[in-house]
N, C-alpha and C. Protein backbone atom coordinates (compact mmCIF):
# COMPACT_ATOMS: atom_id res chain seq x y z
N MET A 1 27.63 -13.05 -7.48
CA MET A 1 26.82 -11.93 -6.95
C MET A 1 27.30 -10.69 -7.56
N THR A 2 26.30 -9.77 -7.82
CA THR A 2 26.46 -8.56 -8.53
C THR A 2 26.25 -7.42 -7.59
N TYR A 3 27.20 -6.44 -7.54
CA TYR A 3 27.17 -5.32 -6.63
C TYR A 3 27.11 -4.01 -7.50
N ALA A 4 26.16 -3.18 -7.15
CA ALA A 4 26.05 -1.89 -7.75
C ALA A 4 27.18 -0.94 -7.21
N THR A 5 27.96 -0.22 -7.99
CA THR A 5 28.97 0.70 -7.47
C THR A 5 28.81 1.96 -8.18
N ARG A 6 29.17 2.94 -7.43
CA ARG A 6 29.17 4.32 -8.05
C ARG A 6 30.50 4.62 -8.66
N PRO A 7 30.44 5.47 -9.74
CA PRO A 7 31.63 5.93 -10.31
C PRO A 7 32.49 6.65 -9.20
N SER A 8 33.78 6.51 -9.27
CA SER A 8 34.73 7.05 -8.27
C SER A 8 34.50 8.53 -8.22
N GLY A 9 34.29 9.27 -9.19
CA GLY A 9 34.20 10.79 -9.25
C GLY A 9 32.99 11.08 -8.25
N THR A 10 31.86 10.43 -8.49
CA THR A 10 30.72 10.78 -7.62
C THR A 10 31.07 10.53 -6.19
N ALA A 11 31.56 9.45 -5.84
CA ALA A 11 31.90 9.08 -4.56
C ALA A 11 32.86 10.16 -3.97
N ALA A 12 33.91 10.45 -4.65
CA ALA A 12 34.89 11.48 -4.26
C ALA A 12 34.26 12.73 -4.01
N SER A 13 33.21 13.23 -4.88
CA SER A 13 32.67 14.54 -4.62
C SER A 13 31.78 14.42 -3.47
N ALA A 14 31.01 13.38 -3.20
CA ALA A 14 30.24 13.26 -2.07
C ALA A 14 31.03 13.18 -0.90
N ALA A 15 32.11 12.58 -0.82
CA ALA A 15 33.00 12.52 0.37
C ALA A 15 33.60 13.94 0.68
N LEU A 16 34.04 14.64 -0.49
CA LEU A 16 34.48 15.95 -0.26
C LEU A 16 33.53 16.95 0.20
N SER A 17 32.34 16.86 -0.29
CA SER A 17 31.12 17.72 0.19
C SER A 17 30.91 17.43 1.71
N LEU A 18 30.86 16.19 2.00
CA LEU A 18 30.56 15.77 3.44
C LEU A 18 31.75 16.31 4.32
N LEU A 19 32.93 16.29 3.92
CA LEU A 19 34.13 16.62 4.66
C LEU A 19 34.01 18.14 4.84
N LEU A 20 33.69 18.98 3.78
CA LEU A 20 33.57 20.41 3.85
C LEU A 20 32.53 20.79 4.88
N VAL A 21 31.47 20.11 4.81
CA VAL A 21 30.30 20.34 5.71
C VAL A 21 30.78 20.16 7.18
N LEU A 22 31.39 18.97 7.37
CA LEU A 22 31.83 18.71 8.72
C LEU A 22 32.97 19.82 9.28
N VAL A 23 33.85 20.11 8.36
CA VAL A 23 34.87 21.11 8.72
C VAL A 23 34.27 22.40 9.00
N ALA A 24 33.31 22.84 8.16
CA ALA A 24 32.73 24.08 8.43
C ALA A 24 31.94 24.18 9.76
N GLY A 25 31.36 22.96 10.01
CA GLY A 25 30.46 22.98 11.30
C GLY A 25 31.33 22.87 12.57
N CYS A 26 32.71 22.58 12.43
CA CYS A 26 33.60 22.54 13.53
C CYS A 26 34.16 23.82 13.96
N GLY A 27 34.12 24.83 13.17
CA GLY A 27 34.65 26.11 13.52
C GLY A 27 33.88 26.88 14.53
N ASP A 28 34.55 28.00 14.95
CA ASP A 28 33.92 28.95 15.86
C ASP A 28 32.98 29.95 15.24
N ARG A 29 32.96 30.06 13.87
CA ARG A 29 31.93 30.85 13.25
C ARG A 29 30.73 30.48 12.99
N PRO A 30 29.70 31.16 12.90
CA PRO A 30 28.36 30.65 12.58
C PRO A 30 28.33 29.96 11.15
N ALA A 31 27.37 29.08 10.95
CA ALA A 31 27.30 28.27 9.76
C ALA A 31 27.17 29.13 8.72
N SER A 32 26.55 30.35 8.76
CA SER A 32 26.32 31.21 7.62
C SER A 32 27.71 31.79 7.04
N ASP A 33 28.67 31.68 8.00
CA ASP A 33 30.03 32.33 7.66
C ASP A 33 30.86 31.21 7.01
N ALA A 34 30.32 29.87 6.94
CA ALA A 34 31.22 28.66 6.50
C ALA A 34 31.73 29.02 5.16
N ALA A 35 32.91 28.34 4.80
CA ALA A 35 33.43 28.57 3.53
C ALA A 35 32.59 27.90 2.45
N PRO A 36 32.39 28.62 1.27
CA PRO A 36 31.55 27.97 0.20
C PRO A 36 32.18 26.76 -0.35
N GLU A 37 31.43 25.91 -0.82
CA GLU A 37 31.87 24.62 -1.46
C GLU A 37 32.84 25.08 -2.72
N ALA A 38 33.67 24.18 -3.10
CA ALA A 38 34.52 24.38 -4.26
C ALA A 38 33.69 24.52 -5.45
N ALA A 39 34.05 25.50 -6.38
CA ALA A 39 33.27 25.77 -7.46
C ALA A 39 33.18 24.58 -8.42
N GLY A 40 31.98 24.22 -8.88
CA GLY A 40 31.80 23.14 -9.74
C GLY A 40 31.52 21.80 -9.03
N SER A 41 31.60 21.76 -7.76
CA SER A 41 31.39 20.50 -7.05
C SER A 41 29.81 20.33 -6.83
N PRO A 42 29.36 19.39 -7.31
CA PRO A 42 27.81 19.23 -7.28
C PRO A 42 27.50 18.81 -5.89
N GLU A 43 26.37 19.33 -5.34
CA GLU A 43 25.88 18.90 -4.08
C GLU A 43 25.28 17.43 -4.16
N PRO A 44 25.52 16.75 -3.01
CA PRO A 44 25.06 15.39 -2.99
C PRO A 44 23.53 15.44 -3.12
N GLU A 45 22.99 14.42 -3.95
CA GLU A 45 21.61 14.33 -4.09
C GLU A 45 21.05 13.48 -2.97
N ALA A 46 19.84 13.93 -2.52
CA ALA A 46 19.11 13.07 -1.46
C ALA A 46 18.71 11.67 -2.12
N ALA A 47 19.07 10.74 -1.36
CA ALA A 47 18.68 9.28 -1.81
C ALA A 47 17.17 9.11 -1.72
N PRO A 48 16.56 8.50 -2.75
CA PRO A 48 15.18 8.30 -2.81
C PRO A 48 14.75 7.31 -1.61
N ALA A 49 13.60 7.40 -1.18
CA ALA A 49 13.15 6.40 -0.15
C ALA A 49 13.24 5.00 -0.74
N PRO A 50 13.76 4.18 -0.02
CA PRO A 50 13.80 2.64 -0.59
C PRO A 50 12.56 1.99 -0.61
N VAL A 51 12.32 1.26 -1.66
CA VAL A 51 11.08 0.41 -1.86
C VAL A 51 11.39 -0.85 -1.19
N PRO A 52 10.54 -1.17 -0.19
CA PRO A 52 10.78 -2.50 0.46
C PRO A 52 10.85 -3.70 -0.46
N ALA A 53 11.81 -4.47 -0.40
CA ALA A 53 11.97 -5.75 -1.17
C ALA A 53 10.80 -6.69 -0.75
N PRO A 54 10.25 -7.67 -1.58
CA PRO A 54 9.40 -8.48 -1.14
C PRO A 54 9.51 -9.23 0.18
N ASP A 55 10.85 -9.63 0.44
CA ASP A 55 11.12 -10.29 1.62
C ASP A 55 11.14 -9.40 2.88
N GLU A 56 11.04 -7.96 2.62
CA GLU A 56 10.96 -7.24 3.72
C GLU A 56 9.56 -6.75 4.10
N VAL A 57 8.51 -7.33 3.38
CA VAL A 57 7.21 -6.87 3.63
C VAL A 57 6.65 -7.83 4.79
N ASP A 58 6.14 -7.27 5.84
CA ASP A 58 5.74 -8.07 6.98
C ASP A 58 4.26 -8.51 6.85
N THR A 59 4.02 -9.68 6.23
CA THR A 59 2.76 -10.00 6.12
C THR A 59 2.01 -10.60 7.42
N GLU A 60 2.89 -10.95 8.50
CA GLU A 60 2.39 -11.20 9.79
C GLU A 60 1.77 -9.93 10.41
N ALA A 61 2.15 -8.86 9.95
CA ALA A 61 1.50 -7.55 10.56
C ALA A 61 0.86 -6.79 9.50
N ALA A 62 0.38 -7.51 8.51
CA ALA A 62 -0.30 -6.92 7.32
C ALA A 62 -1.70 -6.64 7.83
N GLU A 63 -2.26 -5.40 7.32
CA GLU A 63 -3.60 -4.98 7.58
C GLU A 63 -4.28 -4.51 6.33
N VAL A 64 -5.52 -4.58 6.27
CA VAL A 64 -6.38 -3.93 5.22
C VAL A 64 -7.49 -3.27 5.94
N THR A 65 -7.85 -2.08 5.47
CA THR A 65 -8.86 -1.20 6.12
C THR A 65 -9.92 -0.79 4.97
N ILE A 66 -11.09 -0.88 5.28
CA ILE A 66 -12.21 -0.30 4.39
C ILE A 66 -12.28 1.10 4.87
N VAL A 67 -11.74 2.03 3.95
CA VAL A 67 -11.84 3.46 4.21
C VAL A 67 -13.23 4.03 3.96
N SER A 68 -13.86 3.48 2.91
CA SER A 68 -15.16 3.91 2.54
C SER A 68 -15.90 2.71 1.91
N PRO A 69 -17.07 2.49 2.37
CA PRO A 69 -17.95 3.31 3.41
C PRO A 69 -17.45 3.05 4.75
N ALA A 70 -17.66 4.07 5.62
CA ALA A 70 -17.18 3.98 7.01
C ALA A 70 -18.18 3.06 7.77
N ASP A 71 -17.67 2.39 8.72
CA ASP A 71 -18.57 1.55 9.54
C ASP A 71 -19.76 2.33 10.15
N GLY A 72 -20.89 1.86 9.96
CA GLY A 72 -22.04 2.57 10.47
C GLY A 72 -22.63 3.60 9.61
N ALA A 73 -22.04 3.83 8.42
CA ALA A 73 -22.53 4.90 7.52
C ALA A 73 -23.91 4.76 7.02
N VAL A 74 -24.58 5.77 6.74
CA VAL A 74 -25.87 5.68 6.13
C VAL A 74 -25.75 6.37 4.77
N LEU A 75 -26.01 5.54 3.71
CA LEU A 75 -25.68 6.04 2.29
C LEU A 75 -26.99 6.05 1.58
N GLU A 76 -27.07 7.07 0.72
CA GLU A 76 -28.20 7.02 -0.42
C GLU A 76 -27.75 6.27 -1.47
N GLY A 77 -28.58 5.22 -1.69
CA GLY A 77 -28.29 4.20 -2.63
C GLY A 77 -28.82 4.60 -4.10
N PRO A 78 -28.65 3.73 -5.06
CA PRO A 78 -28.24 2.28 -4.94
C PRO A 78 -26.79 2.06 -5.18
N VAL A 79 -25.90 3.16 -5.30
CA VAL A 79 -24.48 2.95 -5.70
C VAL A 79 -23.71 3.07 -4.39
N VAL A 80 -22.85 2.16 -4.27
CA VAL A 80 -21.87 2.15 -3.03
C VAL A 80 -20.49 2.05 -3.56
N GLU A 81 -19.67 3.14 -3.25
CA GLU A 81 -18.30 3.26 -3.59
C GLU A 81 -17.43 2.79 -2.46
N VAL A 82 -16.42 1.79 -2.81
CA VAL A 82 -15.64 1.15 -1.94
C VAL A 82 -14.20 1.52 -2.15
N ILE A 83 -13.54 2.06 -0.97
CA ILE A 83 -12.03 2.50 -1.08
C ILE A 83 -11.45 1.66 0.06
N LEU A 84 -10.17 1.02 -0.34
CA LEU A 84 -9.40 0.14 0.55
C LEU A 84 -8.11 0.72 0.68
N GLU A 85 -7.33 0.36 1.84
CA GLU A 85 -5.99 0.64 1.99
C GLU A 85 -5.42 -0.60 2.65
N ALA A 86 -4.11 -0.85 2.20
CA ALA A 86 -3.38 -2.08 2.89
C ALA A 86 -2.09 -1.52 3.31
N ARG A 87 -1.67 -2.16 4.41
CA ARG A 87 -0.33 -1.89 5.03
C ARG A 87 0.32 -3.19 5.35
N GLY A 88 1.53 -3.27 5.05
CA GLY A 88 2.44 -4.46 5.39
C GLY A 88 2.18 -5.63 4.26
N VAL A 89 1.59 -5.30 3.12
CA VAL A 89 1.47 -6.17 2.06
C VAL A 89 1.23 -5.23 0.81
N ARG A 90 2.02 -5.62 -0.30
CA ARG A 90 1.89 -4.83 -1.49
C ARG A 90 0.70 -5.37 -2.37
N ILE A 91 -0.25 -4.53 -2.77
CA ILE A 91 -1.29 -4.87 -3.64
C ILE A 91 -0.77 -4.90 -5.11
N VAL A 92 -1.03 -6.05 -5.71
CA VAL A 92 -0.61 -6.30 -7.17
C VAL A 92 -1.73 -7.09 -7.83
N PRO A 93 -1.57 -7.18 -9.04
CA PRO A 93 -2.65 -7.92 -9.90
C PRO A 93 -2.64 -9.46 -9.57
N ALA A 94 -3.75 -10.05 -9.66
CA ALA A 94 -3.79 -11.49 -9.45
C ALA A 94 -2.82 -12.14 -10.44
N GLY A 95 -2.38 -13.35 -10.08
CA GLY A 95 -1.36 -14.14 -10.74
C GLY A 95 0.08 -13.85 -10.21
N ASP A 96 0.30 -12.65 -9.57
CA ASP A 96 1.60 -12.43 -9.13
C ASP A 96 1.84 -13.12 -7.78
N MET A 97 2.73 -14.04 -7.69
CA MET A 97 2.99 -14.87 -6.60
C MET A 97 4.22 -14.39 -5.75
N THR A 98 4.70 -13.21 -5.98
CA THR A 98 5.82 -12.53 -5.18
C THR A 98 5.45 -12.68 -3.75
N PRO A 99 6.32 -13.14 -2.97
CA PRO A 99 6.01 -13.18 -1.49
C PRO A 99 5.70 -11.69 -0.99
N GLY A 100 4.78 -11.62 0.02
CA GLY A 100 4.52 -10.23 0.45
C GLY A 100 3.63 -9.55 -0.39
N THR A 101 2.82 -10.11 -1.33
CA THR A 101 1.81 -9.51 -2.23
C THR A 101 0.56 -10.09 -2.20
N GLY A 102 -0.46 -9.32 -2.61
CA GLY A 102 -1.81 -9.87 -2.61
C GLY A 102 -2.69 -9.00 -3.44
N HIS A 103 -3.90 -9.29 -3.62
CA HIS A 103 -4.98 -8.44 -4.08
C HIS A 103 -6.23 -8.60 -3.38
N HIS A 104 -7.16 -7.65 -3.50
CA HIS A 104 -8.29 -7.40 -2.80
C HIS A 104 -9.45 -8.29 -3.24
N HIS A 105 -10.41 -8.78 -2.29
CA HIS A 105 -11.59 -9.38 -2.71
C HIS A 105 -12.68 -8.73 -1.79
N LEU A 106 -13.89 -8.58 -2.32
CA LEU A 106 -14.90 -7.93 -1.62
C LEU A 106 -16.03 -8.93 -1.36
N TYR A 107 -16.61 -9.04 -0.21
CA TYR A 107 -17.84 -9.88 0.05
C TYR A 107 -18.99 -8.84 0.53
N LEU A 108 -19.96 -8.72 -0.36
CA LEU A 108 -21.09 -8.01 0.11
C LEU A 108 -22.21 -8.92 0.56
N ASP A 109 -22.51 -8.83 1.83
CA ASP A 109 -23.62 -9.70 2.40
C ASP A 109 -23.26 -11.23 2.20
N ALA A 110 -22.01 -11.60 2.13
CA ALA A 110 -21.67 -12.96 1.90
C ALA A 110 -20.73 -13.30 3.03
N ASP A 111 -20.68 -14.67 3.33
CA ASP A 111 -19.89 -15.26 4.43
C ASP A 111 -18.47 -15.68 3.85
N LEU A 112 -17.42 -15.49 4.70
CA LEU A 112 -16.10 -15.94 4.31
C LEU A 112 -16.10 -17.52 4.20
N GLY A 113 -15.34 -18.05 3.29
CA GLY A 113 -15.35 -19.52 3.14
C GLY A 113 -14.07 -20.08 3.77
N ASP A 114 -13.66 -21.27 3.35
CA ASP A 114 -12.51 -22.01 3.82
C ASP A 114 -11.27 -21.24 3.34
N PRO A 115 -10.40 -20.91 4.38
CA PRO A 115 -9.25 -20.12 4.08
C PRO A 115 -8.29 -20.90 3.34
N SER A 116 -8.31 -22.11 3.10
CA SER A 116 -7.23 -22.78 2.25
C SER A 116 -7.70 -23.07 0.91
N VAL A 117 -8.75 -22.54 0.38
CA VAL A 117 -9.16 -22.66 -1.02
C VAL A 117 -9.35 -21.35 -1.68
N PRO A 118 -9.25 -21.18 -2.84
CA PRO A 118 -9.39 -19.84 -3.53
C PRO A 118 -10.81 -19.22 -3.30
N VAL A 119 -10.74 -17.89 -3.23
CA VAL A 119 -12.05 -17.11 -2.99
C VAL A 119 -12.87 -17.32 -4.20
N PRO A 120 -14.16 -17.79 -3.99
CA PRO A 120 -15.06 -18.01 -5.22
C PRO A 120 -15.44 -16.63 -5.68
N THR A 121 -16.14 -16.73 -6.82
CA THR A 121 -16.87 -15.55 -7.59
C THR A 121 -18.23 -15.63 -7.47
N GLU A 122 -18.98 -14.61 -6.95
CA GLU A 122 -20.42 -14.72 -7.00
C GLU A 122 -20.79 -13.23 -7.37
N PRO A 123 -21.27 -13.09 -8.67
CA PRO A 123 -21.59 -11.71 -9.15
C PRO A 123 -22.42 -10.97 -8.22
N GLY A 124 -21.99 -9.68 -7.91
CA GLY A 124 -22.79 -8.85 -7.05
C GLY A 124 -22.51 -9.03 -5.64
N ARG A 125 -21.86 -10.29 -5.27
CA ARG A 125 -21.71 -10.49 -3.82
C ARG A 125 -20.24 -10.76 -3.43
N ILE A 126 -19.59 -11.50 -4.30
CA ILE A 126 -18.14 -11.72 -3.99
C ILE A 126 -17.33 -11.37 -5.30
N VAL A 127 -16.61 -10.24 -5.03
CA VAL A 127 -15.93 -9.60 -6.15
C VAL A 127 -14.34 -9.62 -6.04
N HIS A 128 -13.70 -10.12 -7.09
CA HIS A 128 -12.24 -10.13 -7.16
C HIS A 128 -11.75 -8.71 -7.80
N LEU A 129 -10.85 -8.12 -7.10
CA LEU A 129 -10.22 -6.90 -7.73
C LEU A 129 -8.82 -7.30 -8.29
N GLY A 130 -8.91 -8.31 -9.17
CA GLY A 130 -7.72 -8.91 -9.76
C GLY A 130 -6.81 -8.11 -10.58
N ASP A 131 -7.27 -6.77 -10.78
CA ASP A 131 -6.37 -5.84 -11.60
C ASP A 131 -5.38 -5.19 -10.66
N GLY A 132 -5.56 -5.34 -9.34
CA GLY A 132 -4.64 -4.83 -8.39
C GLY A 132 -5.17 -3.43 -7.90
N SER A 133 -6.42 -3.11 -8.22
CA SER A 133 -7.10 -1.96 -7.88
C SER A 133 -7.44 -2.07 -6.34
N SER A 134 -7.80 -0.79 -5.73
CA SER A 134 -8.11 -0.57 -4.39
C SER A 134 -9.43 0.12 -4.24
N GLU A 135 -10.16 0.25 -5.33
CA GLU A 135 -11.46 0.88 -5.34
C GLU A 135 -12.47 -0.01 -6.25
N TYR A 136 -13.76 0.02 -5.82
CA TYR A 136 -14.70 -0.72 -6.56
C TYR A 136 -16.04 -0.03 -6.30
N THR A 137 -17.01 0.07 -7.26
CA THR A 137 -18.38 0.57 -7.07
C THR A 137 -19.40 -0.60 -7.35
N PHE A 138 -20.21 -0.86 -6.18
CA PHE A 138 -21.28 -1.75 -6.32
C PHE A 138 -22.46 -0.86 -6.83
N GLU A 139 -23.18 -1.44 -7.89
CA GLU A 139 -24.27 -0.84 -8.50
C GLU A 139 -25.58 -1.57 -7.88
N ASP A 140 -26.67 -0.87 -7.90
CA ASP A 140 -27.95 -1.57 -7.43
C ASP A 140 -27.98 -2.24 -6.11
N VAL A 141 -27.45 -1.65 -5.23
CA VAL A 141 -27.43 -2.19 -3.80
C VAL A 141 -28.82 -1.87 -3.18
N PRO A 142 -29.47 -2.80 -2.76
CA PRO A 142 -30.92 -2.54 -2.25
C PRO A 142 -30.83 -1.78 -0.95
N PRO A 143 -31.97 -1.10 -0.63
CA PRO A 143 -32.12 -0.44 0.68
C PRO A 143 -32.01 -1.42 1.78
N GLY A 144 -31.51 -1.03 2.79
CA GLY A 144 -31.33 -1.95 4.02
C GLY A 144 -29.92 -1.92 4.56
N GLU A 145 -29.81 -2.77 5.62
CA GLU A 145 -28.33 -2.86 6.29
C GLU A 145 -27.61 -3.92 5.50
N HIS A 146 -26.35 -3.62 5.38
CA HIS A 146 -25.39 -4.47 4.57
C HIS A 146 -24.08 -4.62 5.38
N ARG A 147 -23.40 -5.84 5.09
CA ARG A 147 -22.10 -6.05 5.65
C ARG A 147 -21.10 -6.18 4.55
N LEU A 148 -19.97 -5.53 4.58
CA LEU A 148 -19.00 -5.56 3.61
C LEU A 148 -17.69 -6.07 4.22
N ILE A 149 -17.09 -7.10 3.51
CA ILE A 149 -15.83 -7.81 4.15
C ILE A 149 -14.80 -7.73 2.99
N THR A 150 -13.63 -7.27 3.36
CA THR A 150 -12.49 -7.24 2.28
C THR A 150 -11.39 -8.26 2.81
N VAL A 151 -10.88 -8.96 1.92
CA VAL A 151 -9.99 -10.04 2.19
C VAL A 151 -8.83 -9.89 1.19
N VAL A 152 -7.44 -9.95 1.77
CA VAL A 152 -6.46 -9.85 0.70
C VAL A 152 -6.07 -11.34 0.60
N ALA A 153 -5.95 -11.66 -0.78
CA ALA A 153 -5.49 -13.15 -1.05
C ALA A 153 -4.24 -13.03 -2.00
N ASP A 154 -3.69 -14.21 -2.07
CA ASP A 154 -2.45 -14.33 -2.91
C ASP A 154 -2.78 -14.26 -4.36
N GLY A 155 -1.81 -14.61 -5.26
CA GLY A 155 -2.13 -14.51 -6.74
C GLY A 155 -2.99 -15.61 -7.24
N THR A 156 -3.26 -16.62 -6.44
CA THR A 156 -4.15 -17.65 -6.83
C THR A 156 -5.58 -17.59 -6.17
N HIS A 157 -5.76 -16.37 -5.51
CA HIS A 157 -6.93 -16.02 -4.77
C HIS A 157 -7.14 -16.76 -3.42
N VAL A 158 -6.03 -17.38 -2.89
CA VAL A 158 -6.17 -18.00 -1.52
C VAL A 158 -5.90 -17.05 -0.54
N PRO A 159 -6.77 -16.86 0.47
CA PRO A 159 -6.54 -15.77 1.53
C PRO A 159 -5.17 -16.00 2.12
N LEU A 160 -4.50 -14.88 2.36
CA LEU A 160 -3.29 -14.73 3.10
C LEU A 160 -3.62 -15.29 4.61
N GLN A 161 -2.55 -15.90 4.95
CA GLN A 161 -2.58 -16.41 6.35
C GLN A 161 -1.40 -15.74 7.25
N PRO A 162 -1.70 -15.12 8.30
CA PRO A 162 -2.99 -15.00 8.90
C PRO A 162 -3.82 -14.12 8.06
N TRP A 163 -5.16 -14.28 8.22
CA TRP A 163 -6.19 -13.46 7.60
C TRP A 163 -5.80 -12.00 7.50
N VAL A 164 -5.87 -11.36 6.44
CA VAL A 164 -5.83 -9.96 6.27
C VAL A 164 -7.23 -9.44 5.82
N VAL A 165 -7.96 -9.06 6.71
CA VAL A 165 -9.42 -8.89 6.52
C VAL A 165 -9.93 -7.65 7.22
N ASP A 166 -10.90 -7.06 6.78
CA ASP A 166 -11.67 -5.97 7.58
C ASP A 166 -13.08 -6.14 7.21
N THR A 167 -14.00 -5.70 8.13
CA THR A 167 -15.49 -5.63 7.95
C THR A 167 -16.08 -4.43 8.49
N VAL A 168 -17.11 -3.86 7.69
CA VAL A 168 -17.94 -2.76 8.24
C VAL A 168 -19.34 -3.12 7.80
N THR A 169 -20.21 -2.53 8.45
CA THR A 169 -21.56 -2.58 8.18
C THR A 169 -22.06 -1.07 7.79
N PHE A 170 -23.02 -0.98 6.96
CA PHE A 170 -23.66 0.25 6.52
C PHE A 170 -25.06 0.04 6.17
N THR A 171 -25.71 1.13 6.08
CA THR A 171 -27.21 1.12 5.70
C THR A 171 -27.28 1.90 4.31
N VAL A 172 -28.07 1.34 3.45
CA VAL A 172 -28.36 2.10 2.24
C VAL A 172 -30.01 2.49 2.33
N GLU A 173 -30.13 3.85 2.14
CA GLU A 173 -31.43 4.31 2.08
C GLU A 173 -31.80 4.40 0.62
N ALA A 174 -33.13 4.24 0.38
CA ALA A 174 -33.70 4.38 -1.11
C ALA A 174 -33.28 5.72 -1.57
N GLY A 175 -32.88 5.82 -2.81
CA GLY A 175 -32.65 7.04 -3.46
C GLY A 175 -33.72 7.91 -3.66
N ARG A 176 -33.47 9.21 -3.57
CA ARG A 176 -34.65 10.16 -3.58
C ARG A 176 -34.77 10.83 -5.00
């Protein structure tokens, strides 16, 4: 097993800085009167926010949301721009089989299929966003009411279980 270690100088500087802050905070004088840090001692850097490891992603609580179009929206067609957001699952390109990851599929006026088989492709109706994107534009959507479903599937296009899915309906009016 490999462990990352800090050089001892950095650890010592960080410990010294922490000790100085604690000692300064324990006195009777206001914090603004606290003794300045030793010259040349670097201030400890804030640690970057940790990126969750694949095994820390909670696919049981994963969610996907169709941000646009909004449910019930009335759009001037024939172009429909779709924007998606996912939580609890990392969106990556198709083919990536890392646990806790997947990619988007869009169903425009199409029904979901068997959850144990890969999502099919049907031009203009069932679209794979295999490049890992979260946006797509449908062209030439006819006027009328439409249903849009998004499904997150694994690297081989099999829907995640439990389903990570969202549905909206919207209406397209004829362009003016």
